[in-house]
C-alpha atoms as a PDB file:
ATOM      1  CA  MET A   1      25.707  -8.543 168.463  1.00  0.00           C
ATOM      2  CA  GLN A   2      29.218  -9.083 167.524  1.00  0.00           C
ATOM      3  CA  ILE A   3      30.640  -8.181 163.996  1.00  0.00           C
ATOM      4  CA  ALA A   4      32.287 -10.571 161.826  1.00  0.00           C
ATOM      5  CA  ARG A   5      35.915  -9.814 161.352  1.00  0.00           C
ATOM      6  CA  CYS A   6      38.356 -10.593 158.467  1.00  0.00           C
ATOM      7  CA  LYS A   7      40.783 -13.684 159.687  1.00  0.00           C
ATOM      8  CA  ALA A   8      43.567 -11.994 158.124  1.00  0.00           C
ATOM      9  CA  CYS A   9      43.582  -8.264 158.710  1.00  0.00           C
ATOM     10  CA  ASP A  10      40.776  -8.044 161.306  1.00  0.00           C
ATOM     11  CA  ALA A  11      38.404  -5.649 159.228  1.00  0.00           C
ATOM     12  CA  ASN A  12      34.871  -5.704 159.411  1.00  0.00           C
ATOM     13  CA  LEU A  13      33.217  -8.001 157.273  1.00  0.00           C
ATOM     14  CA  ASP A  14      29.815  -6.250 157.015  1.00  0.00           C
ATOM     15  CA  SER A  15      30.620  -4.508 153.485  1.00  0.00           C
ATOM     16  CA  GLY A  16      31.263  -7.523 151.636  1.00  0.00           C
ATOM     17  CA  GLY A  17      33.920 -10.086 151.315  1.00  0.00           C
ATOM     18  CA  SER A  18      33.828 -13.878 151.081  1.00  0.00           C
ATOM     19  CA  GLY A  19      33.344 -16.137 154.043  1.00  0.00           C
ATOM     20  CA  SER A  20      35.908 -15.422 156.624  1.00  0.00           C
ATOM     21  CA  LEU A  21      37.840 -12.800 154.419  1.00  0.00           C
ATOM     22  CA  CYS A  22      37.475  -9.121 153.300  1.00  0.00           C
ATOM     23  CA  LEU A  23      37.229  -7.782 149.837  1.00  0.00           C
ATOM     24  CA  GLY A  24      40.828  -6.614 150.392  1.00  0.00           C
ATOM     25  CA  CYS A  25      42.224  -9.799 151.714  1.00  0.00           C
ATOM     26  CA  VAL A  26      40.343 -12.496 149.451  1.00  0.00           C
ATOM     27  CA  GLY A  27      42.148 -11.305 146.463  1.00  0.00           C
ATOM     28  CA  LYS A  28      45.752 -10.618 147.783  1.00  0.00           C
ATOM     29  CA  ARG A  29      48.561 -12.873 146.510  1.00  0.00           C
ATOM     30  CA  LEU A  30      51.322 -13.772 148.751  1.00  0.00           C
ATOM     31  CA  ALA A  31      54.822 -15.378 148.062  1.00  0.00           C
ATOM     32  CA  CYS A  32      57.164 -17.184 150.189  1.00  0.00           C
ATOM     33  CA  ARG A  33      60.855 -15.856 150.337  1.00  0.00           C
ATOM     34  CA  VAL A  34      61.998 -19.157 151.676  1.00  0.00           C
ATOM     35  CA  CYS A  35      60.581 -21.556 148.924  1.00  0.00           C
ATOM     36  CA  GLY A  36      58.984 -19.348 146.380  1.00  0.00           C
ATOM     37  CA  ARG A  37      55.511 -20.783 146.595  1.00  0.00           C
ATOM     38  CA  GLU A  38      52.844 -18.287 145.735  1.00  0.00           C
ATOM     39  CA  PHE A  39      49.387 -18.713 147.373  1.00  0.00           C
ATOM     40  CA  VAL A  40      46.454 -16.825 148.609  1.00  0.00           C
ATOM     41  CA  TYR A  41      44.926 -16.249 152.284  1.00  0.00           C
ATOM     42  CA  GLN A  42      42.312 -19.011 151.242  1.00  0.00           C
ATOM     43  CA  ASP A  43      44.805 -21.701 151.126  1.00  0.00           C
ATOM     44  CA  ILE A  44      46.045 -20.917 154.840  1.00  0.00           C
ATOM     45  CA  LEU A  45      42.389 -19.973 156.158  1.00  0.00           C
ATOM     46  CA  GLY A  46      42.762 -22.628 158.852  1.00  0.00           C
ATOM     47  CA  ASP A  47      46.079 -21.459 160.164  1.00  0.00           C
ATOM     48  CA  LEU A  48      45.021 -17.254 160.369  1.00  0.00           C
ATOM     49  CA  PRO A  49      46.169 -15.187 161.852  1.00  0.00           C
ATOM     50  CA  ILE A  50      49.529 -16.832 161.549  1.00  0.00           C
ATOM     51  CA  VAL A  51      50.588 -16.288 158.110  1.00  0.00           C
ATOM     52  CA  GLN A  52      53.263 -19.152 156.799  1.00  0.00           C
ATOM     53  CA  CYS A  53      53.744 -20.855 153.649  1.00  0.00           C
ATOM     54  CA  PRO A  54      51.747 -23.839 153.466  1.00  0.00           C
ATOM     55  CA  SER A  55      54.639 -26.144 151.822  1.00  0.00           C
ATOM     56  CA  CYS A  56      57.720 -25.195 153.780  1.00  0.00           C
ATOM     57  CA  GLU A  57      55.932 -23.307 156.662  1.00  0.00           C
ATOM     58  CA  GLY A  58      58.328 -20.389 156.456  1.00  0.00           C
ATOM     59  CA  ARG A  59      57.002 -17.200 157.834  1.00  0.00           C
ATOM     60  CA  ALA A  60      59.002 -14.802 155.527  1.00  0.00           C
ATOM     61  CA  ILE A  61      55.889 -13.711 153.033  1.00  0.00           C
ATOM     62  CA  ASP A  62      55.639 -11.107 150.656  1.00  0.00           C
ATOM     63  CA  VAL A  63      52.404  -9.547 149.729  1.00  0.00           C
ATOM     64  CA  LEU A  64      52.313  -9.416 145.659  1.00  0.00           C
ATOM     65  CA  GLU A  65      50.656  -6.559 143.982  1.00  0.00           C
END
């Protein structure tokens, strides 16, 4: 049996989470250093594990606390 993994960080999903993201990643906010847009992993779920801005496709991303 294969254990489900988080699409963002590859952690096990057996301890909760939402769909394809673990509890740690589901609430993380990200910001693009190119255009300034803020987004969450859910916004780019189809593109993971590649993390890029959904607006300008820039890959210079900061994790906001």
